[in-house]
Every structure is written in C-alpha cells, then in structure tokens.
C-alpha cells in the first residue's frame, strides 16, 4: 500500500503494473530471476536519480 500511495495515491496504472509484475513472477518457471532483475533495475534507477540530484 505504501508503494501504491507513493506511486500516485492508488493510480490504476500503478496497480495494474504491480499486478502484472506479481503475475509474471508467480507464473514464470524462473520467476525468482524476474524478481532479482527488477530489484537490480530499481537499484540502478535509484542511483541514476540520485546522481541527477547531486
């Protein structure tokens, strides 16, 4: 819920995106790798955003 609130106070597109991510992670045989890839992508995105600020 915190992620949805940060993403735009329950914006339908954020909810749909997270639902698709969870669906892929749970149904794909190598779903744990999807989780790792998304985690790494979010870390890289965070570093890029922080580098723009500083």
PDB file of N, CA and C in Angstrom:
ATOM      1  N   UNK A   1       0.822  -1.192   0.000  1.00  0.00           N
ATOM      2  CA  UNK A   1       0.000   0.000   0.000  1.00  0.00           C
ATOM      3  C   UNK A   1       0.863   1.251   0.000  1.00  0.00           C
ATOM      4  N   UNK A   2       1.992   1.180   0.686  1.00  0.00           N
ATOM      5  CA  UNK A   2       2.891   2.336   0.707  1.00  0.00           C
ATOM      6  C   UNK A   2       3.431   2.635  -0.678  1.00  0.00           C
ATOM      7  N   UNK A   3       3.771   1.583  -1.427  1.00  0.00           N
ATOM      8  CA  UNK A   3       4.266   1.767  -2.790  1.00  0.00           C
ATOM      9  C   UNK A   3       3.181   2.370  -3.675  1.00  0.00           C
ATOM     10  N   UNK A   4       1.959   1.925  -3.512  1.00  0.00           N
ATOM     11  CA  UNK A   4       0.857   2.480  -4.301  1.00  0.00           C
ATOM     12  C   UNK A   4       0.600   3.933  -3.936  1.00  0.00           C
ATOM     13  N   UNK A   5       0.693   4.258  -2.649  1.00  0.00           N
ATOM     14  CA  UNK A   5       0.487   5.645  -2.229  1.00  0.00           C
ATOM     15  C   UNK A   5       1.565   6.537  -2.815  1.00  0.00           C
ATOM     16  N   UNK A   6       2.810   6.083  -2.771  1.00  0.00           N
ATOM     17  CA  UNK A   6       3.913   6.858  -3.330  1.00  0.00           C
ATOM     18  C   UNK A   6       3.765   6.995  -4.845  1.00  0.00           C
ATOM     19  N   UNK A   7       3.230   5.967  -5.493  1.00  0.00           N
ATOM     20  CA  UNK A   7       3.085   5.964  -6.943  1.00  0.00           C
ATOM     21  C   UNK A   7       1.956   6.829  -7.470  1.00  0.00           C
ATOM     22  N   UNK A   8       1.197   7.441  -6.624  1.00  0.00           N
ATOM     23  CA  UNK A   8       0.167   8.331  -7.129  1.00  0.00           C
ATOM     24  C   UNK A   8      -1.190   8.121  -6.504  1.00  0.00           C
ATOM     25  N   UNK A   9      -1.223   7.845  -5.224  1.00  0.00           N
ATOM     26  CA  UNK A   9      -2.464   7.697  -4.472  1.00  0.00           C
ATOM     27  C   UNK A   9      -3.414   6.740  -5.189  1.00  0.00           C
ATOM     28  N   UNK A  10      -2.997   5.503  -5.269  1.00  0.00           N
ATOM     29  CA  UNK A  10      -3.809   4.419  -5.817  1.00  0.00           C
ATOM     30  C   UNK A  10      -4.124   4.604  -7.308  1.00  0.00           C
ATOM     31  N   UNK A  11      -3.168   5.083  -8.061  1.00  0.00           N
ATOM     32  CA  UNK A  11      -3.324   5.244  -9.501  1.00  0.00           C
ATOM     33  C   UNK A  11      -3.553   3.870 -10.132  1.00  0.00           C
ATOM     34  N   UNK A  12      -4.532   3.763 -11.004  1.00  0.00           N
ATOM     35  CA  UNK A  12      -4.902   2.491 -11.614  1.00  0.00           C
ATOM     36  C   UNK A  12      -3.753   1.884 -12.412  1.00  0.00           C
ATOM     37  N   UNK A  13      -2.947   2.705 -13.069  1.00  0.00           N
ATOM     38  CA  UNK A  13      -1.834   2.187 -13.861  1.00  0.00           C
ATOM     39  C   UNK A  13      -0.759   1.558 -12.976  1.00  0.00           C
ATOM     40  N   UNK A  14      -0.485   2.148 -11.817  1.00  0.00           N
ATOM     41  CA  UNK A  14       0.475   1.555 -10.876  1.00  0.00           C
ATOM     42  C   UNK A  14      -0.050   0.219 -10.361  1.00  0.00           C
ATOM     43  N   UNK A  15      -1.327   0.171 -10.027  1.00  0.00           N
ATOM     44  CA  UNK A  15      -1.923  -1.068  -9.521  1.00  0.00           C
ATOM     45  C   UNK A  15      -1.844  -2.159 -10.589  1.00  0.00           C
ATOM     46  N   UNK A  16      -2.164  -1.816 -11.830  1.00  0.00           N
ATOM     47  CA  UNK A  16      -2.103  -2.787 -12.924  1.00  0.00           C
ATOM     48  C   UNK A  16      -0.669  -3.242 -13.166  1.00  0.00           C
ATOM     49  N   UNK A  17       0.276  -2.316 -13.121  1.00  0.00           N
ATOM     50  CA  UNK A  17       1.680  -2.671 -13.331  1.00  0.00           C
ATOM     51  C   UNK A  17       2.203  -3.615 -12.266  1.00  0.00           C
ATOM     52  N   UNK A  18       1.880  -3.342 -11.020  1.00  0.00           N
ATOM     53  CA  UNK A  18       2.323  -4.221  -9.936  1.00  0.00           C
ATOM     54  C   UNK A  18       1.638  -5.580 -10.040  1.00  0.00           C
ATOM     55  N   UNK A  19       0.373  -5.600 -10.440  1.00  0.00           N
ATOM     56  CA  UNK A  19      -0.342  -6.869 -10.601  1.00  0.00           C
ATOM     57  C   UNK A  19       0.283  -7.710 -11.710  1.00  0.00           C
ATOM     58  N   UNK A  20       0.659  -7.081 -12.817  1.00  0.00           N
ATOM     59  CA  UNK A  20       1.308  -7.809 -13.914  1.00  0.00           C
ATOM     60  C   UNK A  20       2.663  -8.347 -13.462  1.00  0.00           C
ATOM     61  N   UNK A  21       3.411  -7.532 -12.722  1.00  0.00           N
ATOM     62  CA  UNK A  21       4.711  -7.976 -12.205  1.00  0.00           C
ATOM     63  C   UNK A  21       4.552  -9.201 -11.305  1.00  0.00           C
ATOM     64  N   UNK A  22       3.597  -9.157 -10.383  1.00  0.00           N
ATOM     65  CA  UNK A  22       3.377 -10.282  -9.474  1.00  0.00           C
ATOM     66  C   UNK A  22       2.924 -11.508 -10.258  1.00  0.00           C
ATOM     67  N   UNK A  23       2.051 -11.323 -11.245  1.00  0.00           N
ATOM     68  CA  UNK A  23       1.591 -12.441 -12.068  1.00  0.00           C
ATOM     69  C   UNK A  23       2.758 -13.107 -12.788  1.00  0.00           C
ATOM     70  N   UNK A  24       3.625 -12.303 -13.394  1.00  0.00           N
ATOM     71  CA  UNK A  24       4.784 -12.854 -14.103  1.00  0.00           C
ATOM     72  C   UNK A  24       5.712 -13.564 -13.130  1.00  0.00           C
ATOM     73  N   UNK A  25       5.962 -12.946 -11.984  1.00  0.00           N
ATOM     74  CA  UNK A  25       6.878 -13.541 -11.011  1.00  0.00           C
ATOM     75  C   UNK A  25       6.349 -14.871 -10.477  1.00  0.00           C
ATOM     76  N   UNK A  26       5.039 -14.990 -10.328  1.00  0.00           N
ATOM     77  CA  UNK A  26       4.463 -16.210  -9.768  1.00  0.00           C
ATOM     78  C   UNK A  26       4.240 -17.305 -10.807  1.00  0.00           C
ATOM     79  N   UNK A  27       4.040 -16.953 -12.080  1.00  0.00           N
ATOM     80  CA  UNK A  27       3.691 -17.964 -13.075  1.00  0.00           C
ATOM     81  C   UNK A  27       4.864 -18.429 -13.926  1.00  0.00           C
ATOM     82  N   UNK A  28       5.863 -17.593 -14.122  1.00  0.00           N
ATOM     83  CA  UNK A  28       7.017 -17.981 -14.934  1.00  0.00           C
ATOM     84  C   UNK A  28       7.853 -18.974 -14.132  1.00  0.00           C
ATOM     85  N   UNK A  29       8.320 -20.057 -14.768  1.00  0.00           N
ATOM     86  CA  UNK A  29       9.101 -21.049 -14.022  1.00  0.00           C
ATOM     87  C   UNK A  29      10.329 -20.469 -13.302  1.00  0.00           C
ATOM     88  N   UNK A  30      10.997 -19.524 -13.903  1.00  0.00           N
ATOM     89  CA  UNK A  30      12.166 -18.898 -13.270  1.00  0.00           C
ATOM     90  C   UNK A  30      11.777 -17.528 -12.716  1.00  0.00           C
ATOM     91  N   UNK A  31      10.681 -17.475 -12.004  1.00  0.00           N
ATOM     92  CA  UNK A  31      10.151 -16.208 -11.514  1.00  0.00           C
ATOM     93  C   UNK A  31      11.057 -15.493 -10.539  1.00  0.00           C
ATOM     94  N   UNK A  32      11.854 -16.259  -9.774  1.00  0.00           N
ATOM     95  CA  UNK A  32      12.753 -15.600  -8.832  1.00  0.00           C
ATOM     96  C   UNK A  32      13.795 -14.753  -9.549  1.00  0.00           C
ATOM     97  N   UNK A  33      14.163 -15.147 -10.764  1.00  0.00           N
ATOM     98  CA  UNK A  33      15.112 -14.333 -11.541  1.00  0.00           C
ATOM     99  C   UNK A  33      14.464 -13.031 -11.993  1.00  0.00           C
ATOM    100  N   UNK A  34      13.170 -13.058 -12.240  1.00  0.00           N
ATOM    101  CA  UNK A  34      12.441 -11.831 -12.583  1.00  0.00           C
ATOM    102  C   UNK A  34      12.505 -10.865 -11.407  1.00  0.00           C
ATOM    103  N   UNK A  35      12.328 -11.384 -10.208  1.00  0.00           N
ATOM    104  CA  UNK A  35      12.418 -10.555  -9.012  1.00  0.00           C
ATOM    105  C   UNK A  35      13.794  -9.940  -8.845  1.00  0.00           C
ATOM    106  N   UNK A  36      14.840 -10.739  -9.080  1.00  0.00           N
ATOM    107  CA  UNK A  36      16.204 -10.216  -8.990  1.00  0.00           C
ATOM    108  C   UNK A  36      16.447  -9.133 -10.035  1.00  0.00           C
ATOM    109  N   UNK A  37      15.991  -9.373 -11.267  1.00  0.00           N
ATOM    110  CA  UNK A  37      16.208  -8.408 -12.347  1.00  0.00           C
ATOM    111  C   UNK A  37      15.487  -7.095 -12.060  1.00  0.00           C
ATOM    112  N   UNK A  38      14.261  -7.176 -11.585  1.00  0.00           N
ATOM    113  CA  UNK A  38      13.515  -5.958 -11.257  1.00  0.00           C
ATOM    114  C   UNK A  38      14.177  -5.240 -10.087  1.00  0.00           C
ATOM    115  N   UNK A  39      14.647  -5.987  -9.110  1.00  0.00           N
ATOM    116  CA  UNK A  39      15.342  -5.378  -7.978  1.00  0.00           C
ATOM    117  C   UNK A  39      16.592  -4.637  -8.402  1.00  0.00           C
ATOM    118  N   UNK A  40      17.390  -5.253  -9.261  1.00  0.00           N
ATOM    119  CA  UNK A  40      18.605  -4.605  -9.756  1.00  0.00           C
ATOM    120  C   UNK A  40      18.253  -3.373 -10.579  1.00  0.00           C
ATOM    121  N   UNK A  41      17.222  -3.483 -11.416  1.00  0.00           N
ATOM    122  CA  UNK A  41      16.806  -2.332 -12.228  1.00  0.00           C
ATOM    123  C   UNK A  41      16.355  -1.172 -11.346  1.00  0.00           C
ATOM    124  N   UNK A  42      15.638  -1.460 -10.264  1.00  0.00           N
ATOM    125  CA  UNK A  42      15.192  -0.397  -9.362  1.00  0.00           C
ATOM    126  C   UNK A  42      16.364   0.241  -8.622  1.00  0.00           C
ATOM    127  N   UNK A  43      17.358  -0.560  -8.250  1.00  0.00           N
ATOM    128  CA  UNK A  43      18.547  -0.006  -7.600  1.00  0.00           C
ATOM    129  C   UNK A  43      19.294   0.906  -8.558  1.00  0.00           C
ATOM    130  N   UNK A  44      19.475   0.458  -9.803  1.00  0.00           N
ATOM    131  CA  UNK A  44      20.159   1.280 -10.806  1.00  0.00           C
ATOM    132  C   UNK A  44      19.385   2.567 -11.049  1.00  0.00           C
ATOM    133  N   UNK A  45      18.066   2.471 -11.160  1.00  0.00           N
ATOM    134  CA  UNK A  45      17.230   3.659 -11.360  1.00  0.00           C
ATOM    135  C   UNK A  45      17.396   4.627 -10.196  1.00  0.00           C
ATOM    136  N   UNK A  46      17.419   4.113  -8.975  1.00  0.00           N
ATOM    137  CA  UNK A  46      17.608   4.962  -7.805  1.00  0.00           C
ATOM    138  C   UNK A  46      18.948   5.670  -7.810  1.00  0.00           C
ATOM    139  N   UNK A  47      20.002   4.953  -8.208  1.00  0.00           N
ATOM    140  CA  UNK A  47      21.330   5.568  -8.283  1.00  0.00           C
ATOM    141  C   UNK A  47      21.353   6.659  -9.345  1.00  0.00           C
ATOM    142  N   UNK A  48      20.726   6.411 -10.483  1.00  0.00           N
ATOM    143  CA  UNK A  48      20.682   7.416 -11.551  1.00  0.00           C
ATOM    144  C   UNK A  48      19.930   8.657 -11.082  1.00  0.00           C
ATOM    145  N   UNK A  49      18.795   8.461 -10.441  1.00  0.00           N
ATOM    146  CA  UNK A  49      18.015   9.605  -9.950  1.00  0.00           C
ATOM    147  C   UNK A  49      18.817  10.391  -8.918  1.00  0.00           C
ATOM    148  N   UNK A  50      19.483   9.695  -8.012  1.00  0.00           N
ATOM    149  CA  UNK A  50      20.301  10.381  -7.013  1.00  0.00           C
ATOM    150  C   UNK A  50      21.472  11.117  -7.648  1.00  0.00           C
ATOM    151  N   UNK A  51      22.036  10.563  -8.717  1.00  0.00           N
ATOM    152  CA  UNK A  51      23.156  11.241  -9.376  1.00  0.00           C
ATOM    153  C   UNK A  51      22.691  12.511 -10.086  1.00  0.00           C
ATOM    154  N   UNK A  52      21.440  12.546 -10.546  1.00  0.00           N
ATOM    155  CA  UNK A  52      20.909  13.768 -11.157  1.00  0.00           C
ATOM    156  C   UNK A  52      20.714  14.853 -10.109  1.00  0.00           C
ATOM    157  N   UNK A  53      20.314  14.444  -8.908  1.00  0.00           N
ATOM    158  CA  UNK A  53      20.043  15.405  -7.838  1.00  0.00           C
ATOM    159  C   UNK A  53      21.331  16.019  -7.321  1.00  0.00           C
ATOM    160  N   UNK A  54      22.363  15.206  -7.193  1.00  0.00           N
ATOM    161  CA  UNK A  54      23.629  15.676  -6.588  1.00  0.00           C
ATOM    162  C   UNK A  54      24.480  16.348  -7.591  1.00  0.00           C
TER     163      UNK A  54
END
